[in-house]
C-alpha atoms as a PDB file:
ATOM      1  CA  UNK A   1       0.035   0.008   0.051  1.00  0.00           C
ATOM      2  CA  UNK A   2       2.856   2.358   0.827  1.00  0.00           C
ATOM      3  CA  UNK A   3       4.339   1.776  -2.660  1.00  0.00           C
ATOM      4  CA  UNK A   4       1.130   2.807  -4.249  1.00  0.00           C
ATOM      5  CA  UNK A   5       1.115   6.172  -2.357  1.00  0.00           C
ATOM      6  CA  UNK A   6       4.766   6.754  -3.128  1.00  0.00           C
ATOM      7  CA  UNK A   7       4.160   6.141  -6.834  1.00  0.00           C
ATOM      8  CA  UNK A   8       1.028   8.348  -6.764  1.00  0.00           C
ATOM      9  CA  UNK A   9       2.838  11.276  -5.229  1.00  0.00           C
ATOM     10  CA  UNK A  10       5.870  10.882  -7.557  1.00  0.00           C
ATOM     11  CA  UNK A  11       3.722  10.953 -10.687  1.00  0.00           C
ATOM     12  CA  UNK A  12       4.014  14.356 -12.338  1.00  0.00           C
ATOM     13  CA  UNK A  13       1.677  13.790 -15.323  1.00  0.00           C
ATOM     14  CA  UNK A  14      -1.164  15.706 -13.595  1.00  0.00           C
ATOM     15  CA  UNK A  15       1.096  18.662 -12.922  1.00  0.00           C
ATOM     16  CA  UNK A  16       2.100  18.782 -16.575  1.00  0.00           C
ATOM     17  CA  UNK A  17      -1.526  18.790 -17.611  1.00  0.00           C
ATOM     18  CA  UNK A  18      -2.278  21.648 -15.203  1.00  0.00           C
ATOM     19  CA  UNK A  19       0.646  23.651 -16.610  1.00  0.00           C
ATOM     20  CA  UNK A  20      -0.618  23.170 -20.119  1.00  0.00           C
ATOM     21  CA  UNK A  21      -4.104  24.272 -18.980  1.00  0.00           C
ATOM     22  CA  UNK A  22      -2.661  27.427 -17.429  1.00  0.00           C
ATOM     23  CA  UNK A  23      -0.708  28.247 -20.563  1.00  0.00           C
ATOM     24  CA  UNK A  24      -3.782  27.771 -22.744  1.00  0.00           C
ATOM     25  CA  UNK A  25      -5.804  29.988 -20.368  1.00  0.00           C
ATOM     26  CA  UNK A  26      -3.186  32.707 -20.621  1.00  0.00           C
ATOM     27  CA  UNK A  27      -3.130  32.584 -24.397  1.00  0.00           C
ATOM     28  CA  UNK A  28      -6.922  32.699 -24.502  1.00  0.00           C
ATOM     29  CA  UNK A  29      -7.022  35.781 -22.251  1.00  0.00           C
ATOM     30  CA  UNK A  30      -4.465  37.524 -24.486  1.00  0.00           C
ATOM     31  CA  UNK A  31      -6.510  36.702 -27.622  1.00  0.00           C
ATOM     32  CA  UNK A  32      -9.699  38.002 -26.011  1.00  0.00           C
ATOM     33  CA  UNK A  33      -8.028  41.199 -24.936  1.00  0.00           C
ATOM     34  CA  UNK A  34      -6.574  41.754 -28.479  1.00  0.00           C
ATOM     35  CA  UNK A  35      -9.881  41.065 -30.172  1.00  0.00           C
ATOM     36  CA  UNK A  36     -11.688  43.360 -27.763  1.00  0.00           C
ATOM     37  CA  UNK A  37      -9.192  46.189 -28.498  1.00  0.00           C
ATOM     38  CA  UNK A  38      -9.503  45.722 -32.234  1.00  0.00           C
ATOM     39  CA  UNK A  39     -13.287  45.571 -31.988  1.00  0.00           C
ATOM     40  CA  UNK A  40     -13.357  48.893 -30.194  1.00  0.00           C
ATOM     41  CA  UNK A  41     -11.123  50.549 -32.781  1.00  0.00           C
ATOM     42  CA  UNK A  42     -13.274  49.136 -35.601  1.00  0.00           C
ATOM     43  CA  UNK A  43     -16.380  50.486 -34.000  1.00  0.00           C
ATOM     44  CA  UNK A  44     -14.906  53.920 -33.956  1.00  0.00           C
ATOM     45  CA  UNK A  45     -13.781  53.620 -37.532  1.00  0.00           C
ATOM     46  CA  UNK A  46     -17.176  52.494 -38.753  1.00  0.00           C
ATOM     47  CA  UNK A  47     -18.948  55.232 -36.823  1.00  0.00           C
ATOM     48  CA  UNK A  48     -16.640  57.819 -38.400  1.00  0.00           C
ATOM     49  CA  UNK A  49     -17.228  56.452 -41.926  1.00  0.00           C
ATOM     50  CA  UNK A  50     -21.004  56.318 -41.282  1.00  0.00           C
ATOM     51  CA  UNK A  51     -21.148  59.897 -40.115  1.00  0.00           C
ATOM     52  CA  UNK A  52     -19.001  61.045 -43.090  1.00  0.00           C
ATOM     53  CA  UNK A  53     -21.387  59.338 -45.548  1.00  0.00           C
ATOM     54  CA  UNK A  54     -24.493  61.140 -44.094  1.00  0.00           C
END
């Protein structure tokens, strides 16, 4: 039984999966922030073009 616990605590596969998950989360947050910034800039541009056409 002790060997099972030792092997369980020595296994690092779960830690690697968590690290990959954190990296993916960080990348997703960066993409969301970039898209949000571009969306705001595009809204301003379209509003400017719309008012110029009127």
